[in-house]
PDB file of all heavy atoms in Angstrom:
ATOM      1  N   VAL A   1      -1.462 -14.123 -13.901  1.00  0.00           N
ATOM      2  CA  VAL A   1      -1.508 -12.677 -13.847  1.00  0.00           C
ATOM      3  C   VAL A   1      -0.088 -12.120 -14.000  1.00  0.00           C
ATOM      4  O   VAL A   1       0.140 -11.183 -14.803  1.00  0.00           O
ATOM      5  CB  VAL A   1      -2.152 -12.246 -12.585  1.00  0.00           C
ATOM      6  CG1 VAL A   1      -2.076 -10.671 -12.502  1.00  0.00           C
ATOM      7  CG2 VAL A   1      -3.647 -12.634 -12.481  1.00  0.00           C
ATOM      8  N   ALA A   2       0.850 -12.671 -13.221  1.00  0.00           N
ATOM      9  CA  ALA A   2       2.184 -12.159 -13.287  1.00  0.00           C
ATOM     10  C   ALA A   2       2.868 -12.340 -14.626  1.00  0.00           C
ATOM     11  O   ALA A   2       3.653 -11.434 -15.090  1.00  0.00           O
ATOM     12  CB  ALA A   2       3.035 -12.880 -12.225  1.00  0.00           C
ATOM     13  N   ALA A   3       2.554 -13.386 -15.345  1.00  0.00           N
ATOM     14  CA  ALA A   3       3.100 -13.604 -16.713  1.00  0.00           C
ATOM     15  C   ALA A   3       2.557 -12.634 -17.692  1.00  0.00           C
ATOM     16  O   ALA A   3       3.215 -12.287 -18.703  1.00  0.00           O
ATOM     17  CB  ALA A   3       2.796 -15.088 -17.135  1.00  0.00           C
ATOM     18  N   LEU A   4       1.371 -12.177 -17.521  1.00  0.00           N
ATOM     19  CA  LEU A   4       0.728 -11.251 -18.504  1.00  0.00           C
ATOM     20  C   LEU A   4       1.023  -9.762 -18.112  1.00  0.00           C
ATOM     21  O   LEU A   4       0.971  -8.928 -19.078  1.00  0.00           O
ATOM     22  CB  LEU A   4      -0.770 -11.507 -18.569  1.00  0.00           C
ATOM     23  CG  LEU A   4      -1.510 -10.928 -19.786  1.00  0.00           C
ATOM     24  CD1 LEU A   4      -0.931 -11.437 -21.086  1.00  0.00           C
ATOM     25  CD2 LEU A   4      -2.969 -11.220 -19.713  1.00  0.00           C
ATOM     26  N   LEU A   5       1.332  -9.447 -16.924  1.00  0.00           N
ATOM     27  CA  LEU A   5       1.609  -8.064 -16.536  1.00  0.00           C
ATOM     28  C   LEU A   5       2.629  -7.319 -17.333  1.00  0.00           C
ATOM     29  O   LEU A   5       2.417  -6.183 -17.713  1.00  0.00           O
ATOM     30  CB  LEU A   5       1.927  -8.056 -15.044  1.00  0.00           C
ATOM     31  CG  LEU A   5       0.800  -7.922 -14.028  1.00  0.00           C
ATOM     32  CD1 LEU A   5       1.280  -7.975 -12.625  1.00  0.00           C
ATOM     33  CD2 LEU A   5      -0.078  -6.694 -14.321  1.00  0.00           C
ATOM     34  N   PRO A   6       3.726  -7.958 -17.697  1.00  0.00           N
ATOM     35  CA  PRO A   6       4.691  -7.226 -18.433  1.00  0.00           C
ATOM     36  C   PRO A   6       4.251  -6.815 -19.878  1.00  0.00           C
ATOM     37  O   PRO A   6       4.911  -5.973 -20.518  1.00  0.00           O
ATOM     38  CB  PRO A   6       5.914  -8.261 -18.619  1.00  0.00           C
ATOM     39  CG  PRO A   6       5.723  -9.264 -17.558  1.00  0.00           C
ATOM     40  CD  PRO A   6       4.196  -9.287 -17.272  1.00  0.00           C
ATOM     41  N   PHE A   7       3.135  -7.304 -20.294  1.00  0.00           N
ATOM     42  CA  PHE A   7       2.595  -6.985 -21.609  1.00  0.00           C
ATOM     43  C   PHE A   7       1.550  -5.965 -21.615  1.00  0.00           C
ATOM     44  O   PHE A   7       0.931  -5.575 -22.617  1.00  0.00           O
ATOM     45  CB  PHE A   7       2.025  -8.262 -22.258  1.00  0.00           C
ATOM     46  CG  PHE A   7       3.094  -9.269 -22.606  1.00  0.00           C
ATOM     47  CD1 PHE A   7       3.440 -10.272 -21.703  1.00  0.00           C
ATOM     48  CD2 PHE A   7       3.926  -9.148 -23.721  1.00  0.00           C
ATOM     49  CE1 PHE A   7       4.495 -11.148 -21.907  1.00  0.00           C
ATOM     50  CE2 PHE A   7       4.977 -10.050 -23.964  1.00  0.00           C
ATOM     51  CZ  PHE A   7       5.226 -11.046 -23.036  1.00  0.00           C
ATOM     52  N   TRP A   8       1.316  -5.300 -20.402  1.00  0.00           N
ATOM     53  CA  TRP A   8       0.363  -4.197 -20.270  1.00  0.00           C
ATOM     54  C   TRP A   8       0.832  -3.056 -21.162  1.00  0.00           C
ATOM     55  O   TRP A   8       2.008  -2.678 -21.153  1.00  0.00           O
ATOM     56  CB  TRP A   8       0.321  -3.758 -18.808  1.00  0.00           C
ATOM     57  CG  TRP A   8      -0.458  -2.545 -18.571  1.00  0.00           C
ATOM     58  CD1 TRP A   8      -0.064  -1.280 -18.579  1.00  0.00           C
ATOM     59  CD2 TRP A   8      -1.876  -2.509 -18.308  1.00  0.00           C
ATOM     60  NE1 TRP A   8      -1.097  -0.426 -18.308  1.00  0.00           N
ATOM     61  CE2 TRP A   8      -2.251  -1.167 -18.159  1.00  0.00           C
ATOM     62  CE3 TRP A   8      -2.870  -3.431 -18.205  1.00  0.00           C
ATOM     63  CZ2 TRP A   8      -3.537  -0.786 -17.864  1.00  0.00           C
ATOM     64  CZ3 TRP A   8      -4.112  -3.081 -17.913  1.00  0.00           C
ATOM     65  CH2 TRP A   8      -4.474  -1.730 -17.758  1.00  0.00           C
ATOM     66  N   GLY A   9       0.037  -2.520 -22.024  1.00  0.00           N
ATOM     67  CA  GLY A   9       0.365  -1.408 -22.861  1.00  0.00           C
ATOM     68  C   GLY A   9       1.149  -1.841 -24.090  1.00  0.00           C
ATOM     69  O   GLY A   9       1.478  -0.969 -24.872  1.00  0.00           O
ATOM     70  N   GLN A  10       1.340  -3.119 -24.342  1.00  0.00           N
ATOM     71  CA  GLN A  10       2.053  -3.565 -25.489  1.00  0.00           C
ATOM     72  C   GLN A  10       1.030  -3.705 -26.655  1.00  0.00           C
ATOM     73  O   GLN A  10      -0.187  -3.548 -26.484  1.00  0.00           O
ATOM     74  CB  GLN A  10       2.701  -4.919 -25.259  1.00  0.00           C
ATOM     75  CG  GLN A  10       3.742  -4.903 -24.236  1.00  0.00           C
ATOM     76  CD  GLN A  10       4.982  -4.137 -24.555  1.00  0.00           C
ATOM     77  OE1 GLN A  10       5.448  -4.104 -25.675  1.00  0.00           O
ATOM     78  NE2 GLN A  10       5.463  -3.315 -23.584  1.00  0.00           N
ATOM     79  N   SER A  11       1.499  -4.043 -27.862  1.00  0.00           N
ATOM     80  CA  SER A  11       0.649  -4.192 -29.008  1.00  0.00           C
ATOM     81  C   SER A  11      -0.302  -5.384 -28.867  1.00  0.00           C
ATOM     82  O   SER A  11       0.030  -6.274 -28.049  1.00  0.00           O
ATOM     83  CB  SER A  11       1.488  -4.405 -30.245  1.00  0.00           C
ATOM     84  OG  SER A  11       2.091  -5.622 -30.218  1.00  0.00           O
ATOM     85  N   GLU A  12      -1.401  -5.376 -29.520  1.00  0.00           N
ATOM     86  CA  GLU A  12      -2.370  -6.505 -29.475  1.00  0.00           C
ATOM     87  C   GLU A  12      -1.683  -7.778 -29.914  1.00  0.00           C
ATOM     88  O   GLU A  12      -1.981  -8.862 -29.367  1.00  0.00           O
ATOM     89  CB  GLU A  12      -3.581  -6.195 -30.361  1.00  0.00           C
ATOM     90  CG  GLU A  12      -4.543  -5.203 -29.707  1.00  0.00           C
ATOM     91  CD  GLU A  12      -5.853  -5.051 -30.428  1.00  0.00           C
ATOM     92  OE1 GLU A  12      -6.073  -5.802 -31.418  1.00  0.00           O
ATOM     93  OE2 GLU A  12      -6.632  -4.231 -30.065  1.00  0.00           O
ATOM     94  N   ASP A  13      -0.812  -7.761 -30.879  1.00  0.00           N
ATOM     95  CA  ASP A  13      -0.092  -8.948 -31.328  1.00  0.00           C
ATOM     96  C   ASP A  13       0.728  -9.502 -30.121  1.00  0.00           C
ATOM     97  O   ASP A  13       0.686 -10.722 -29.919  1.00  0.00           O
ATOM     98  CB  ASP A  13       0.773  -8.632 -32.472  1.00  0.00           C
ATOM     99  CG  ASP A  13       0.031  -8.393 -33.767  1.00  0.00           C
ATOM    100  OD1 ASP A  13      -1.169  -8.766 -33.807  1.00  0.00           O
ATOM    101  OD2 ASP A  13       0.640  -7.880 -34.718  1.00  0.00           O
ATOM    102  N   SER A  14       1.420  -8.698 -29.443  1.00  0.00           N
ATOM    103  CA  SER A  14       2.260  -9.101 -28.278  1.00  0.00           C
ATOM    104  C   SER A  14       1.402  -9.672 -27.229  1.00  0.00           C
ATOM    105  O   SER A  14       1.674 -10.754 -26.645  1.00  0.00           O
ATOM    106  CB  SER A  14       3.106  -8.002 -27.702  1.00  0.00           C
ATOM    107  OG  SER A  14       4.010  -7.525 -28.684  1.00  0.00           O
ATOM    108  N   VAL A  15       0.325  -9.023 -26.881  1.00  0.00           N
ATOM    109  CA  VAL A  15      -0.583  -9.396 -25.793  1.00  0.00           C
ATOM    110  C   VAL A  15      -1.221 -10.756 -26.176  1.00  0.00           C
ATOM    111  O   VAL A  15      -1.337 -11.656 -25.404  1.00  0.00           O
ATOM    112  CB  VAL A  15      -1.667  -8.350 -25.497  1.00  0.00           C
ATOM    113  CG1 VAL A  15      -2.659  -8.891 -24.478  1.00  0.00           C
ATOM    114  CG2 VAL A  15      -0.995  -7.121 -24.953  1.00  0.00           C
ATOM    115  N   GLY A  16      -1.690 -10.858 -27.431  1.00  0.00           N
ATOM    116  CA  GLY A  16      -2.317 -12.073 -27.908  1.00  0.00           C
ATOM    117  C   GLY A  16      -1.388 -13.285 -27.890  1.00  0.00           C
ATOM    118  O   GLY A  16      -1.751 -14.353 -27.530  1.00  0.00           O
ATOM    119  N   MET A  17      -0.106 -12.993 -28.309  1.00  0.00           N
ATOM    120  CA  MET A  17       0.841 -14.147 -28.305  1.00  0.00           C
ATOM    121  C   MET A  17       1.119 -14.563 -26.894  1.00  0.00           C
ATOM    122  O   MET A  17       1.175 -15.747 -26.594  1.00  0.00           O
ATOM    123  CB  MET A  17       2.171 -13.691 -29.112  1.00  0.00           C
ATOM    124  CG  MET A  17       3.138 -14.834 -29.197  1.00  0.00           C
ATOM    125  SD  MET A  17       2.529 -16.273 -30.083  1.00  0.00           S
ATOM    126  CE  MET A  17       2.418 -15.605 -31.713  1.00  0.00           C
ATOM    127  N   ALA A  18       1.361 -13.642 -26.003  1.00  0.00           N
ATOM    128  CA  ALA A  18       1.637 -13.938 -24.605  1.00  0.00           C
ATOM    129  C   ALA A  18       0.461 -14.669 -24.041  1.00  0.00           C
ATOM    130  O   ALA A  18       0.634 -15.680 -23.315  1.00  0.00           O
ATOM    131  CB  ALA A  18       1.903 -12.693 -23.825  1.00  0.00           C
ATOM    132  N   GLY A  19      -0.734 -14.235 -24.258  1.00  0.00           N
ATOM    133  CA  GLY A  19      -1.969 -14.904 -23.751  1.00  0.00           C
ATOM    134  C   GLY A  19      -2.081 -16.327 -24.244  1.00  0.00           C
ATOM    135  O   GLY A  19      -2.428 -17.240 -23.476  1.00  0.00           O
ATOM    136  N   ALA A  20      -1.761 -16.506 -25.540  1.00  0.00           N
ATOM    137  CA  ALA A  20      -1.777 -17.892 -26.087  1.00  0.00           C
ATOM    138  C   ALA A  20      -0.764 -18.809 -25.463  1.00  0.00           C
ATOM    139  O   ALA A  20      -1.027 -19.904 -25.154  1.00  0.00           O
ATOM    140  CB  ALA A  20      -1.614 -17.818 -27.584  1.00  0.00           C
ATOM    141  N   VAL A  21       0.402 -18.271 -25.256  1.00  0.00           N
ATOM    142  CA  VAL A  21       1.483 -19.041 -24.627  1.00  0.00           C
ATOM    143  C   VAL A  21       1.064 -19.499 -23.200  1.00  0.00           C
ATOM    144  O   VAL A  21       1.236 -20.608 -22.812  1.00  0.00           O
ATOM    145  CB  VAL A  21       2.810 -18.291 -24.640  1.00  0.00           C
ATOM    146  CG1 VAL A  21       3.900 -18.996 -23.771  1.00  0.00           C
ATOM    147  CG2 VAL A  21       3.322 -18.217 -26.053  1.00  0.00           C
ATOM    148  N   ILE A  22       0.536 -18.503 -22.469  1.00  0.00           N
ATOM    149  CA  ILE A  22       0.071 -18.760 -21.097  1.00  0.00           C
ATOM    150  C   ILE A  22      -0.956 -19.828 -21.113  1.00  0.00           C
ATOM    151  O   ILE A  22      -0.947 -20.801 -20.250  1.00  0.00           O
ATOM    152  CB  ILE A  22      -0.420 -17.495 -20.413  1.00  0.00           C
ATOM    153  CG1 ILE A  22       0.768 -16.460 -20.212  1.00  0.00           C
ATOM    154  CG2 ILE A  22      -1.115 -17.746 -19.111  1.00  0.00           C
ATOM    155  CD1 ILE A  22       0.271 -15.083 -19.838  1.00  0.00           C
ATOM    156  N   CYS A  23      -1.941 -19.788 -21.991  1.00  0.00           N
ATOM    157  CA  CYS A  23      -3.038 -20.768 -22.090  1.00  0.00           C
ATOM    158  C   CYS A  23      -2.440 -22.159 -22.324  1.00  0.00           C
ATOM    159  O   CYS A  23      -2.762 -23.141 -21.755  1.00  0.00           O
ATOM    160  CB  CYS A  23      -4.043 -20.435 -23.156  1.00  0.00           C
ATOM    161  SG  CYS A  23      -5.255 -19.193 -22.606  1.00  0.00           S
ATOM    162  N   CYS A  24      -1.448 -22.190 -23.252  1.00  0.00           N
ATOM    163  CA  CYS A  24      -0.739 -23.478 -23.590  1.00  0.00           C
ATOM    164  C   CYS A  24      -0.026 -24.070 -22.442  1.00  0.00           C
ATOM    165  O   CYS A  24      -0.069 -25.275 -22.166  1.00  0.00           O
ATOM    166  CB  CYS A  24       0.119 -23.318 -24.787  1.00  0.00           C
ATOM    167  SG  CYS A  24      -0.783 -23.058 -26.394  1.00  0.00           S
ATOM    168  N   VAL A  25       0.615 -23.222 -21.702  1.00  0.00           N
ATOM    169  CA  VAL A  25       1.399 -23.635 -20.476  1.00  0.00           C
ATOM    170  C   VAL A  25       0.456 -24.163 -19.434  1.00  0.00           C
ATOM    171  O   VAL A  25       0.796 -25.093 -18.719  1.00  0.00           O
ATOM    172  CB  VAL A  25       2.329 -22.491 -19.951  1.00  0.00           C
ATOM    173  CG1 VAL A  25       2.883 -22.817 -18.645  1.00  0.00           C
ATOM    174  CG2 VAL A  25       3.357 -22.204 -20.999  1.00  0.00           C
ATOM    175  N   GLN A  26      -0.749 -23.551 -19.326  1.00  0.00           N
ATOM    176  CA  GLN A  26      -1.660 -23.960 -18.299  1.00  0.00           C
ATOM    177  C   GLN A  26      -2.207 -25.380 -18.571  1.00  0.00           C
ATOM    178  O   GLN A  26      -2.727 -26.022 -17.608  1.00  0.00           O
ATOM    179  CB  GLN A  26      -2.872 -22.999 -18.259  1.00  0.00           C
ATOM    180  CG  GLN A  26      -2.533 -21.664 -17.685  1.00  0.00           C
ATOM    181  CD  GLN A  26      -3.647 -20.646 -17.849  1.00  0.00           C
ATOM    182  OE1 GLN A  26      -4.596 -20.833 -18.610  1.00  0.00           O
ATOM    183  NE2 GLN A  26      -3.606 -19.632 -16.991  1.00  0.00           N
ATOM    184  N   ILE A  27      -2.132 -25.832 -19.729  1.00  0.00           N
ATOM    185  CA  ILE A  27      -2.619 -27.182 -20.123  1.00  0.00           C
ATOM    186  C   ILE A  27      -1.747 -28.251 -19.429  1.00  0.00           C
ATOM    187  O   ILE A  27      -2.199 -29.323 -19.060  1.00  0.00           O
ATOM    188  CB  ILE A  27      -2.615 -27.430 -21.640  1.00  0.00           C
ATOM    189  CG1 ILE A  27      -3.547 -26.399 -22.341  1.00  0.00           C
ATOM    190  CG2 ILE A  27      -2.994 -28.794 -22.042  1.00  0.00           C
ATOM    191  CD1 ILE A  27      -4.974 -26.434 -21.866  1.00  0.00           C
ATOM    192  N   VAL A  28      -0.447 -27.929 -19.146  1.00  0.00           N
ATOM    193  CA  VAL A  28       0.463 -28.889 -18.568  1.00  0.00           C
ATOM    194  C   VAL A  28      -0.050 -29.288 -17.207  1.00  0.00           C
ATOM    195  O   VAL A  28      -0.236 -30.507 -16.943  1.00  0.00           O
ATOM    196  CB  VAL A  28       1.910 -28.351 -18.530  1.00  0.00           C
ATOM    197  CG1 VAL A  28       2.758 -29.303 -17.800  1.00  0.00           C
ATOM    198  CG2 VAL A  28       2.370 -28.152 -19.945  1.00  0.00           C
ATOM    199  N   PRO A  29      -0.316 -28.363 -16.233  1.00  0.00           N
ATOM    200  CA  PRO A  29      -0.809 -28.835 -14.923  1.00  0.00           C
ATOM    201  C   PRO A  29      -2.241 -29.392 -15.049  1.00  0.00           C
ATOM    202  O   PRO A  29      -2.611 -30.342 -14.289  1.00  0.00           O
ATOM    203  CB  PRO A  29      -0.764 -27.618 -14.091  1.00  0.00           C
ATOM    204  CG  PRO A  29      -0.578 -26.431 -15.013  1.00  0.00           C
ATOM    205  CD  PRO A  29      -0.002 -26.905 -16.255  1.00  0.00           C
ATOM    206  N   LEU A  30      -3.000 -28.886 -15.976  1.00  0.00           N
ATOM    207  CA  LEU A  30      -4.356 -29.483 -16.141  1.00  0.00           C
ATOM    208  C   LEU A  30      -4.292 -30.964 -16.475  1.00  0.00           C
ATOM    209  O   LEU A  30      -5.031 -31.786 -15.899  1.00  0.00           O
ATOM    210  CB  LEU A  30      -5.112 -28.630 -17.186  1.00  0.00           C
ATOM    211  CG  LEU A  30      -6.637 -28.954 -17.327  1.00  0.00           C
ATOM    212  CD1 LEU A  30      -7.354 -28.686 -16.048  1.00  0.00           C
ATOM    213  CD2 LEU A  30      -7.161 -28.052 -18.493  1.00  0.00           C
ATOM    214  N   LEU A  31      -3.470 -31.286 -17.457  1.00  0.00           N
ATOM    215  CA  LEU A  31      -3.293 -32.684 -17.848  1.00  0.00           C
ATOM    216  C   LEU A  31      -2.502 -33.448 -16.758  1.00  0.00           C
ATOM    217  O   LEU A  31      -2.625 -34.660 -16.552  1.00  0.00           O
ATOM    218  CB  LEU A  31      -2.632 -32.804 -19.176  1.00  0.00           C
ATOM    219  CG  LEU A  31      -3.481 -32.283 -20.360  1.00  0.00           C
ATOM    220  CD1 LEU A  31      -2.726 -32.389 -21.638  1.00  0.00           C
ATOM    221  CD2 LEU A  31      -4.815 -33.017 -20.469  1.00  0.00           C
ATOM    222  N   GLY A  32      -1.633 -32.711 -16.066  1.00  0.00           N
ATOM    223  CA  GLY A  32      -0.797 -33.322 -15.030  1.00  0.00           C
ATOM    224  C   GLY A  32      -1.627 -33.931 -13.909  1.00  0.00           C
ATOM    225  O   GLY A  32      -1.295 -34.917 -13.306  1.00  0.00           O
TER     226      GLY A  32
END
């Protein structure tokens, strides 16, 4: 939530890219 909050009100491209990066980072602990 904290990682996505700064993108509130940003363009869909920015929000989409941030969301994709967050999802990719979440894979690390999942596989960990």
